[in-house]
Each structure stands twice: as structure tokens, then as C-alpha cells.
Amino acid sequence: MDLESVTLNVKKECIEMNEEDDDDETQGLVRSETQPTQTVFDSNHCVKDDVWKEFAPIGKGEDGKERCRCIHCGKDLVTPAFTSNLWRHLRSCTKKREGKSGGNGCEQDRLNKDQNKRNSVDVVGASVYESSSDREGVSNNTLLKKRQRSSILEGKTRSGMLLGLDVLDCPICFEALTIPIFQCDNGHLACSSCCHKLSNKCPTCASPVGHNRCRAMESVLESVFVPCRNAKFGCTKNVSYGKVSTHEKECTFSQCSCPALDCNYTGSYNNIYSHFVDDHRNKPTSISFVCGGSVDVQMNIASDKILVLQESKKGLLFALQCFYKPHGLYVTVRCIASSAPELGKLAYCLYYSMDGHTLTYKSPEVKKVLEVSSETPQDNFMFVPHSLLRGEFLEMKIAIGLKVRAAS
């Protein structure tokens, strides 16, 4: 039988496995021969002719199938329809490897292609392995990209937009949330002061609240900056939304109301002093003094609700107020100013004597207010019972200063 007849018979035969190579791997390889890529490959006449030079046809076997024999090791193989099995045998043939012949050019090309194919599979496998094993590095890569983007956008600030700042307010007291912010198990928020007022019980779902902090909302709160409401008066600071109330209490541009009962003037604390000195200093309800000393004052508790003290050294106004109640008299002192740190902490002392009885009240600090209040004070006051009051006039001594000293 010549080579052409063998080739015709090979085309008519079904794909068969090598009798001695019928393990799972070989079966997979034989099945892969039916793929289009293999068909195209085996249609290469150069490859086909060259591989057949390594095998000699020996006719049919007992099973009636055509067989061929390796000219290097003498192994008999079922003649296949395609040449993949023949190439596979040549790659594993020990006699061929030991021989001097290193294979022809077409065979070497075939081997190189197969090796490249395996390498490409290995590369794909490595990529899959890396993507699964390096998941821990994803966040680091993301962070690195953000840093690179930040370096590119150096000098530029990315900003977002809130549709309404009320989303940053406590849903209970409706004041701006301040850190720490707490949440219940269902995610309902509450400021720290409200948690105590509600006995750490969420008003929405009755779950415990006040133990778990909402770090995400705290981060949002810290990232939102708004201009001070006193910007139109000269303040140029942008403040974190959660610290707006604290800043505005200390802002030197905070607007104070004139303590005169019939005046609607407002301005910063130093402007208030200039305004009062220019417009109201001749009124009987005002008196001048120097911080650090004491001054005698007299008030008509029946008609006078407030006595304004003008401190010329620091340029501050103090309101001495009396609140006449059925059980006694409340006396307190307030400073008309913001809580600006440069003003320092001031304290005051009140002395009242009647019928040999002396009442002394020393306040640790003068409370600063932007506007005098008509409400009875709940703290920081001197109480004079009715039994020690004589007539409508109240005479006392007052001292205001950084360090209160006893009046002589």
C-alpha cells in the first residue's frame, strides 16, 4: 500500500485513539482534534507530508483498522484521520529524542506553536490566579489611583453639592448634628444630647441608641464646610457644618443687640459699646466703671428691669438685671458680647447688706450673651428673699474683673 492510498483511507476513517494512549488526557486531546483550529492546522500539506515521513504503513490489524509504525521506536499506531496523535507520539518518542535528528523545520514550527499555545494558557491562568489572590490589594490600588489623581489635580478641590443642609440636622432637636453622632440598630440618627434626653431610646423604632457611633455621617459632617453667617459683616471663615454654632458664638463679627430697652441697633460687641456711649450714656439706667474695681449701684426693682454698666478699659457693656418674683428677687450680670477668646474670662461678685445681714455671691464667670433676655435666670444669679428687701430700691456693690477681689 502506497502513501496516497493510506492518505485516502485516513480521510475515511473516524477519529481513533492510540491503543496505548486512551487515558482521559488523550481522550480530551483526541476530541479537541475536531475543533476548527485543528482542521485548519492539519490541512497544511507541509506538516502532513513531513509527519508521515516518520511513520511507515503496515496494513490492517486484526480489528480491520489501518495501522502505521514509528520508524524510530517501532511502535504500532492506529492510523488516525488527523495527524495530531502522530505529532504527540513524536514529542514523547524517546528514540527520536536520543537520535541525532532534531526534526525538520516544519515539525519544529509545530512544536513551537504548541509551546506558545501552552504558554498563552499559562499566562491566562496566571492572570486569573492573580485576580483572585490579590483581591486584598484592590483597595490599595484604588487608593493609589486616588492619590495619583490628587497629584494631577494639585491645587484644585473637588466638591459636591447638597440639596439641603437639613439632612445634616438632628431629626429630634432639629439642630445641626455635632460629633459624636449616634445611631440605633436600624440606622436612625441622634445627636449626643438628645440620646441622654431620650434615655438612650430611639424615638422612631424604640431601639437602643447612644452606644453605636455613625462614623460615616461624622465623616460627611466633617467634609461639609459653609461660610459663617457673619460673612456679610466681615467674617471670612468657612466652618465645618457641625461646628457652625460653636464658631458663631465666638465669632467677633457676631451681631449683638443694644441693651437699651427702646433701641433696635445691632452690631459687633465693640460697635455696640461705641453706639451705647454715643447715644445712651446720659440715661439714668447706665453707669461707668473700670474692670477690676467695684462700684455702688442702686436700682428701682419696681420699674427698672436693667442697669447697663459701661466698662471703658475693655470697651464692654454689662447688663445688671433684677427679676422680682413672689418668693424673692433674682439678680444676675450678663456681658453683651460674643464668646470671643480674646475677651478672656471675666467673673463678678455681688454684695448686698440689710439689717445687719450680708449676702455675697461670687460667680466663677460672667455669661456672655448677644441679647439680654427677659426670662428668669436658671443659674449664675444671686437670690434675695423678701424678708431682706426694704422698699422699691435695691442698693448693692458689684465688682467685675478677671480676678474678683473683695470690696473694701
Protein backbone atom coordinates (compact mmCIF):
# COMPACT_ATOMS: atom_id res chain seq x y z
CA MET A 1 0.00 0.00 0.00
CA ASP A 2 1.45 3.31 -1.06
CA LEU A 3 1.25 6.64 0.77
CA GLU A 4 -1.63 8.01 -1.33
CA SER A 5 -3.89 5.04 -0.60
CA VAL A 6 -3.10 5.34 3.07
CA THR A 7 -4.00 9.04 2.98
CA LEU A 8 -7.37 8.25 1.35
CA ASN A 9 -8.12 5.63 3.93
CA VAL A 10 -7.18 8.05 6.71
CA LYS A 11 -9.71 10.61 5.50
CA LYS A 12 -12.48 7.97 5.53
CA GLU A 13 -11.67 6.67 9.00
CA CYS A 14 -13.22 8.13 12.20
CA ILE A 15 -11.08 9.71 14.84
CA GLU A 16 -9.47 6.94 16.83
CA MET A 17 -7.22 6.98 19.82
CA ASN A 18 -3.93 5.35 20.16
CA GLU A 19 -4.49 1.92 21.71
CA GLU A 20 -1.90 2.60 24.37
CA ASP A 21 -2.83 6.28 24.93
CA ASP A 22 -6.56 6.01 25.75
CA ASP A 23 -6.36 7.73 29.15
CA ASP A 24 -8.52 10.79 29.96
CA GLU A 25 -5.97 13.30 28.85
CA THR A 26 -5.51 11.57 25.50
CA GLN A 27 -9.26 11.36 25.03
CA GLY A 28 -9.51 15.11 25.60
CA LEU A 29 -6.81 15.74 23.08
CA VAL A 30 -8.42 13.47 20.52
CA ARG A 31 -11.76 15.22 20.97
CA SER A 32 -10.04 18.57 20.51
CA GLU A 33 -8.93 17.44 17.08
CA THR A 34 -12.45 18.02 15.82
CA GLN A 35 -12.12 21.78 16.57
CA PRO A 36 -11.85 24.08 13.56
CA THR A 37 -8.37 25.24 14.55
CA GLN A 38 -7.06 21.66 14.32
CA THR A 39 -8.74 21.10 10.97
CA VAL A 40 -7.09 24.19 9.57
CA PHE A 41 -3.78 23.15 11.05
CA ASP A 42 -3.90 19.60 9.62
CA SER A 43 -4.76 20.96 6.20
CA ASN A 44 -1.18 22.21 5.99
CA HIS A 45 0.38 19.87 3.44
CA CYS A 46 3.89 20.60 4.62
CA VAL A 47 3.08 19.42 8.13
CA LYS A 48 1.05 16.47 6.87
CA ASP A 49 3.70 15.21 4.49
CA ASP A 50 6.53 15.64 6.96
CA VAL A 51 4.85 13.77 9.80
CA TRP A 52 4.11 10.82 7.56
CA LYS A 53 7.81 10.54 6.83
CA GLU A 54 8.25 9.48 10.45
CA PHE A 55 5.77 6.56 10.13
CA ALA A 56 5.53 3.51 7.83
CA PRO A 57 2.17 1.97 6.90
CA ILE A 58 1.91 -1.73 7.89
CA GLY A 59 -1.59 -2.56 6.74
CA LYS A 60 -4.69 -3.59 8.65
CA GLY A 61 -4.67 -5.18 12.06
CA GLU A 62 -6.90 -7.95 13.41
CA ASP A 63 -9.61 -5.37 14.11
CA GLY A 64 -9.61 -4.34 10.45
CA LYS A 65 -8.18 -0.89 11.10
CA GLU A 66 -5.26 0.55 9.20
CA ARG A 67 -2.06 0.85 11.20
CA CYS A 68 1.31 2.54 10.89
CA ARG A 69 4.68 2.10 12.64
CA CYS A 70 7.08 4.69 14.10
CA ILE A 71 10.39 4.41 12.26
CA HIS A 72 12.26 5.45 15.44
CA CYS A 73 10.91 3.21 18.21
CA GLY A 74 8.90 0.70 16.15
CA LYS A 75 5.64 1.37 17.94
CA ASP A 76 2.45 0.50 16.06
CA LEU A 77 -0.35 3.05 16.00
CA VAL A 78 -3.84 3.11 14.57
CA THR A 79 -3.70 5.29 11.51
CA PRO A 80 -5.58 8.47 12.53
CA ALA A 81 -7.76 10.72 10.43
CA PHE A 82 -5.74 13.71 11.61
CA THR A 83 -2.07 14.00 12.43
CA SER A 84 -2.31 15.32 16.00
CA ASN A 85 -1.78 11.86 17.51
CA LEU A 86 1.24 11.33 15.29
CA TRP A 87 2.82 14.62 16.39
CA ARG A 88 2.03 13.80 20.00
CA HIS A 89 3.80 10.49 19.69
CA LEU A 90 6.85 12.10 18.12
CA ARG A 91 7.14 14.56 21.01
CA SER A 92 7.14 11.70 23.51
CA CYS A 93 9.21 9.26 21.46
CA THR A 94 12.39 8.55 23.47
CA LYS A 95 14.21 7.02 20.49
CA LYS A 96 13.66 10.12 18.38
CA ARG A 97 14.96 12.39 21.18
CA GLU A 98 18.04 10.20 21.53
CA GLY A 99 18.64 10.24 17.80
CA LYS A 100 20.81 12.72 16.01
CA SER A 101 17.99 14.13 14.06
CA GLY A 102 16.43 17.08 15.74
CA GLY A 103 13.37 17.08 13.45
CA ASN A 104 12.75 19.06 10.37
CA GLY A 105 11.75 22.71 10.19
CA CYS A 106 8.01 22.09 9.86
CA GLU A 107 7.98 19.82 12.91
CA GLN A 108 9.90 22.39 14.92
CA ASP A 109 7.40 25.07 13.90
CA ARG A 110 4.59 22.81 15.05
CA LEU A 111 6.28 22.22 18.39
CA ASN A 112 6.90 25.94 18.84
CA LYS A 113 3.27 26.71 18.12
CA ASP A 114 2.11 24.15 20.64
CA GLN A 115 4.51 25.54 23.22
CA ASN A 116 3.27 29.08 22.59
CA LYS A 117 -0.26 27.82 22.97
CA ARG A 118 0.57 26.31 26.34
CA ASN A 119 2.35 29.48 27.38
CA SER A 120 -0.68 31.57 26.45
CA VAL A 121 -2.86 29.28 28.55
CA ASP A 122 -0.38 29.60 31.39
CA VAL A 123 -0.50 33.40 31.10
CA VAL A 124 -4.28 33.39 31.19
CA GLY A 125 -4.21 31.06 34.17
CA ALA A 126 -1.73 33.29 35.93
CA SER A 127 -3.91 36.30 35.30
CA VAL A 128 -6.91 34.52 36.79
CA TYR A 129 -4.84 33.47 39.76
CA GLU A 130 -3.59 36.97 40.33
CA SER A 131 -7.08 38.44 40.11
CA SER A 132 -8.33 36.01 42.75
CA SER A 133 -5.34 36.00 45.06
CA ASP A 134 -4.65 39.74 45.01
CA ARG A 135 -8.13 40.92 45.95
CA GLU A 136 -6.68 42.33 49.12
CA GLY A 137 -4.63 44.73 47.02
CA VAL A 138 -7.62 46.16 45.16
CA SER A 139 -8.30 48.76 47.83
CA ASN A 140 -4.62 49.71 47.90
CA ASN A 141 -4.61 50.12 44.11
CA THR A 142 -7.74 52.26 44.33
CA LEU A 143 -6.14 54.40 46.99
CA LEU A 144 -3.01 54.75 44.86
CA LYS A 145 -5.10 55.87 41.88
CA LYS A 146 -6.85 58.45 44.04
CA ARG A 147 -3.50 59.77 45.22
CA GLN A 148 -2.23 59.95 41.67
CA ARG A 149 -5.38 61.78 40.64
CA SER A 150 -4.93 64.14 43.57
CA SER A 151 -1.37 64.88 42.50
CA ILE A 152 -2.59 65.64 38.99
CA LEU A 153 -5.31 67.90 40.37
CA GLU A 154 -2.94 69.57 42.82
CA GLY A 155 -4.23 72.97 43.78
CA LYS A 156 -7.78 72.05 42.78
CA THR A 157 -10.53 70.99 45.17
CA ARG A 158 -13.27 68.55 44.28
CA SER A 159 -16.58 69.47 45.84
CA GLY A 160 -20.07 68.04 45.95
CA MET A 161 -23.47 69.61 46.37
CA LEU A 162 -26.13 69.00 48.98
CA LEU A 163 -29.72 69.70 48.07
CA GLY A 164 -30.36 70.87 51.62
CA LEU A 165 -28.30 71.19 54.77
CA ASP A 166 -31.26 69.98 56.82
CA VAL A 167 -30.13 66.41 56.12
CA LEU A 168 -27.23 67.18 58.46
CA ASP A 169 -29.52 68.23 61.29
CA CYS A 170 -30.58 66.04 64.19
CA PRO A 171 -34.07 64.66 63.38
CA ILE A 172 -35.05 65.04 67.04
CA CYS A 173 -33.97 68.54 68.09
CA PHE A 174 -33.51 69.86 64.50
CA GLU A 175 -30.18 71.41 65.44
CA ALA A 176 -27.01 70.78 63.42
CA LEU A 177 -25.53 67.38 64.20
CA THR A 178 -22.32 67.52 66.19
CA ILE A 179 -19.72 64.83 66.69
CA PRO A 180 -20.19 62.27 68.17
CA ILE A 181 -23.24 61.15 66.19
CA PHE A 182 -25.05 58.01 67.32
CA GLN A 183 -27.34 55.58 65.54
CA CYS A 184 -29.66 52.78 66.60
CA ASP A 185 -29.59 49.26 65.11
CA ASN A 186 -31.94 50.42 62.35
CA GLY A 187 -29.73 53.37 61.38
CA HIS A 188 -31.80 56.21 62.90
CA LEU A 189 -29.56 59.10 63.93
CA ALA A 190 -29.50 61.23 67.06
CA CYS A 191 -27.13 63.81 68.49
CA SER A 192 -25.42 63.03 71.78
CA SER A 193 -27.51 65.49 73.81
CA CYS A 194 -30.77 64.00 72.52
CA CYS A 195 -29.65 60.48 73.40
CA HIS A 196 -29.45 61.44 77.08
CA LYS A 197 -32.76 63.31 76.96
CA LEU A 198 -34.47 60.22 75.50
CA SER A 199 -32.86 57.83 77.97
CA ASN A 200 -30.93 56.26 75.08
CA LYS A 201 -34.10 55.00 73.40
CA CYS A 202 -34.71 55.71 69.72
CA PRO A 203 -37.99 57.68 69.32
CA THR A 204 -38.56 56.16 65.86
CA CYS A 205 -38.21 52.43 66.49
CA ALA A 206 -37.61 52.21 70.29
CA SER A 207 -34.24 50.50 69.73
CA PRO A 208 -31.29 51.38 71.97
CA VAL A 209 -29.40 54.44 70.79
CA GLY A 210 -26.36 56.22 72.14
CA HIS A 211 -23.88 53.36 72.03
CA ASN A 212 -23.02 52.92 68.33
CA ARG A 213 -21.45 55.87 66.57
CA CYS A 214 -22.25 56.62 62.93
CA ARG A 215 -18.74 57.16 61.60
CA ALA A 216 -19.95 57.60 58.02
CA MET A 217 -22.18 60.56 58.90
CA GLU A 218 -19.40 62.02 61.05
CA SER A 219 -17.09 61.92 58.02
CA VAL A 220 -19.74 63.60 55.87
CA LEU A 221 -20.29 66.25 58.52
CA GLU A 222 -16.56 67.00 58.73
CA SER A 223 -16.32 67.34 54.95
CA VAL A 224 -19.13 69.91 54.59
CA PHE A 225 -17.97 73.50 55.05
CA VAL A 226 -20.23 76.52 54.97
CA PRO A 227 -19.43 80.23 55.22
CA CYS A 228 -20.06 81.94 58.52
CA ARG A 229 -23.41 83.70 58.61
CA ASN A 230 -21.49 86.81 59.61
CA ALA A 231 -19.72 86.86 56.23
CA LYS A 232 -21.68 89.97 55.23
CA PHE A 233 -20.31 91.69 58.33
CA GLY A 234 -16.69 90.83 57.55
CA CYS A 235 -16.04 87.25 58.68
CA THR A 236 -14.11 85.32 56.01
CA LYS A 237 -14.02 81.89 57.66
CA ASN A 238 -15.55 78.70 56.25
CA VAL A 239 -16.58 76.42 59.07
CA SER A 240 -17.46 72.72 59.30
CA TYR A 241 -21.24 72.47 59.44
CA GLY A 242 -21.18 70.64 62.77
CA LYS A 243 -19.16 73.48 64.33
CA VAL A 244 -21.16 76.41 62.98
CA SER A 245 -22.95 77.14 66.25
CA THR A 246 -19.70 76.99 68.21
CA HIS A 247 -17.93 79.33 65.80
CA GLU A 248 -20.76 81.84 65.69
CA LYS A 249 -20.76 82.11 69.47
CA GLU A 250 -17.08 83.01 69.33
CA CYS A 251 -17.08 84.99 66.10
CA THR A 252 -16.06 88.59 66.71
CA PHE A 253 -18.45 89.63 63.93
CA SER A 254 -21.50 88.14 65.68
CA GLN A 255 -24.25 90.72 65.90
CA CYS A 256 -25.23 91.92 69.37
CA SER A 257 -28.38 93.85 70.25
CA CYS A 258 -28.22 97.14 72.08
CA PRO A 259 -29.24 96.57 75.74
CA ALA A 260 -31.26 99.81 75.82
CA LEU A 261 -34.93 98.83 76.00
CA ASP A 262 -36.09 101.27 73.35
CA CYS A 263 -33.26 100.71 70.82
CA ASN A 264 -33.13 98.27 67.88
CA TYR A 265 -29.47 98.78 66.97
CA THR A 266 -27.35 95.69 66.29
CA GLY A 267 -23.64 95.32 65.64
CA SER A 268 -20.47 93.59 66.81
CA TYR A 269 -19.66 93.86 70.51
CA ASN A 270 -17.16 96.71 70.02
CA ASN A 271 -19.58 98.62 67.80
CA ILE A 272 -22.30 98.14 70.39
CA TYR A 273 -20.16 99.81 73.03
CA SER A 274 -19.43 102.82 70.79
CA HIS A 275 -23.09 103.10 69.88
CA PHE A 276 -24.26 102.99 73.51
CA VAL A 277 -21.70 105.54 74.68
CA ASP A 278 -22.69 107.93 71.89
CA ASP A 279 -26.47 107.51 72.11
CA HIS A 280 -27.37 106.33 75.62
CA ARG A 281 -24.64 107.25 78.10
CA ASN A 282 -26.61 110.11 79.67
CA LYS A 283 -29.53 107.87 80.59
CA PRO A 284 -30.10 107.24 84.33
CA THR A 285 -30.11 103.50 83.69
CA SER A 286 -26.39 103.41 82.89
CA ILE A 287 -23.22 103.75 84.90
CA SER A 288 -19.49 103.75 84.08
CA PHE A 289 -16.83 101.68 85.84
CA VAL A 290 -13.37 100.21 85.30
CA CYS A 291 -12.85 96.47 85.16
CA GLY A 292 -11.10 95.20 88.27
CA GLY A 293 -12.67 97.69 90.67
CA SER A 294 -16.01 97.83 92.49
CA VAL A 295 -18.92 100.22 92.06
CA ASP A 296 -22.04 101.02 94.10
CA VAL A 297 -25.29 100.68 92.22
CA GLN A 298 -28.93 101.46 93.04
CA MET A 299 -31.93 100.08 91.17
CA ASN A 300 -35.65 100.61 91.41
CA ILE A 301 -36.80 97.00 91.43
CA ALA A 302 -40.36 98.09 90.75
CA SER A 303 -39.64 99.92 87.49
CA ASP A 304 -36.04 99.35 86.40
CA LYS A 305 -35.54 96.00 84.71
CA ILE A 306 -31.96 96.57 83.63
CA LEU A 307 -28.96 98.71 84.53
CA VAL A 308 -26.18 98.97 81.90
CA LEU A 309 -22.60 99.08 83.15
CA GLN A 310 -20.05 100.59 80.77
CA GLU A 311 -16.52 99.24 81.14
CA SER A 312 -14.24 101.78 79.45
CA LYS A 313 -10.98 99.87 79.70
CA LYS A 314 -12.07 96.86 77.66
CA GLY A 315 -14.89 98.62 75.84
CA LEU A 316 -17.59 96.22 77.06
CA LEU A 317 -21.19 96.55 78.17
CA PHE A 318 -22.63 94.61 81.12
CA ALA A 319 -26.33 94.25 81.91
CA LEU A 320 -27.33 94.08 85.59
CA GLN A 321 -30.84 92.60 85.72
CA CYS A 322 -33.34 92.12 88.54
CA PHE A 323 -36.28 89.71 88.33
CA TYR A 324 -38.89 90.35 91.02
CA LYS A 325 -40.80 87.16 91.86
CA PRO A 326 -43.34 86.33 94.60
CA HIS A 327 -40.79 84.38 96.64
CA GLY A 328 -37.84 86.79 96.19
CA LEU A 329 -35.53 88.71 93.88
CA TYR A 330 -33.13 87.26 91.28
CA VAL A 331 -30.08 89.39 90.46
CA THR A 332 -27.69 88.50 87.64
CA VAL A 333 -25.00 90.09 85.44
CA ARG A 334 -24.51 89.41 81.71
CA CYS A 335 -21.87 90.66 79.27
CA ILE A 336 -23.17 91.88 75.89
CA ALA A 337 -20.61 90.25 73.61
CA SER A 338 -19.71 87.08 71.77
CA SER A 339 -17.60 84.40 73.42
CA ALA A 340 -14.51 85.57 71.53
CA PRO A 341 -11.39 84.07 73.15
CA GLU A 342 -9.56 87.41 73.07
CA LEU A 343 -12.02 88.83 75.60
CA GLY A 344 -10.84 86.40 78.23
CA LYS A 345 -12.93 85.07 81.09
CA LEU A 346 -14.48 87.59 83.44
CA ALA A 347 -16.01 86.98 86.84
CA TYR A 348 -18.25 89.15 89.02
CA CYS A 349 -19.13 89.48 92.66
CA LEU A 350 -22.30 90.96 94.25
CA TYR A 351 -22.60 92.31 97.81
CA TYR A 352 -25.90 93.16 99.48
CA SER A 353 -26.45 94.21 103.11
CA MET A 354 -29.67 94.84 105.03
CA ASP A 355 -30.37 94.99 108.78
CA GLY A 356 -27.01 93.52 109.64
CA HIS A 357 -27.38 90.66 107.14
CA THR A 358 -24.94 90.46 104.25
CA LEU A 359 -25.40 88.41 101.11
CA THR A 360 -22.41 87.71 98.90
CA TYR A 361 -22.48 85.96 95.55
CA LYS A 362 -19.31 85.19 93.63
CA SER A 363 -19.82 83.99 90.08
CA PRO A 364 -16.99 81.95 88.52
CA GLU A 365 -17.63 83.54 85.12
CA VAL A 366 -19.75 86.23 83.54
CA LYS A 367 -22.04 84.73 80.95
CA LYS A 368 -21.72 86.35 77.52
CA VAL A 369 -24.90 86.87 75.50
CA LEU A 370 -25.74 88.51 72.19
CA GLU A 371 -29.00 89.86 73.54
CA VAL A 372 -30.38 90.43 77.03
CA SER A 373 -33.18 88.08 77.99
CA SER A 374 -36.39 88.75 79.91
CA GLU A 375 -36.55 85.20 81.22
CA THR A 376 -35.77 84.41 84.85
CA PRO A 377 -32.22 83.01 85.06
CA GLN A 378 -31.79 79.36 85.95
CA ASP A 379 -28.20 79.65 87.09
CA ASN A 380 -25.44 82.18 87.81
CA PHE A 381 -27.53 84.57 89.94
CA MET A 382 -27.90 85.95 93.49
CA PHE A 383 -31.21 85.38 95.26
CA VAL A 384 -32.50 87.93 97.79
CA PRO A 385 -35.51 86.79 99.85
CA HIS A 386 -38.41 89.17 100.51
CA SER A 387 -37.52 89.34 104.19
CA LEU A 388 -34.30 91.22 103.31
CA LEU A 389 -35.89 93.69 100.92
CA ARG A 390 -36.80 97.19 102.05
CA GLY A 391 -38.90 99.35 99.74
CA GLU A 392 -38.55 99.63 96.00
CA PHE A 393 -34.85 100.41 95.88
CA LEU A 394 -32.04 97.90 95.90
CA GLU A 395 -28.57 99.11 96.83
CA MET A 396 -25.59 96.82 96.36
CA LYS A 397 -21.93 96.75 95.45
CA ILE A 398 -20.64 94.99 92.38
CA ALA A 399 -17.14 94.08 91.25
CA ILE A 400 -16.24 92.72 87.81
CA GLY A 401 -12.80 91.65 86.72
CA LEU A 402 -10.56 88.85 85.60
CA LYS A 403 -9.86 88.14 89.24
CA VAL A 404 -12.52 89.21 91.67
CA ARG A 405 -11.18 90.86 94.80
CA ALA A 406 -13.10 91.60 97.96
CA ALA A 407 -14.74 95.04 98.11
CA SER A 408 -13.47 97.39 100.78
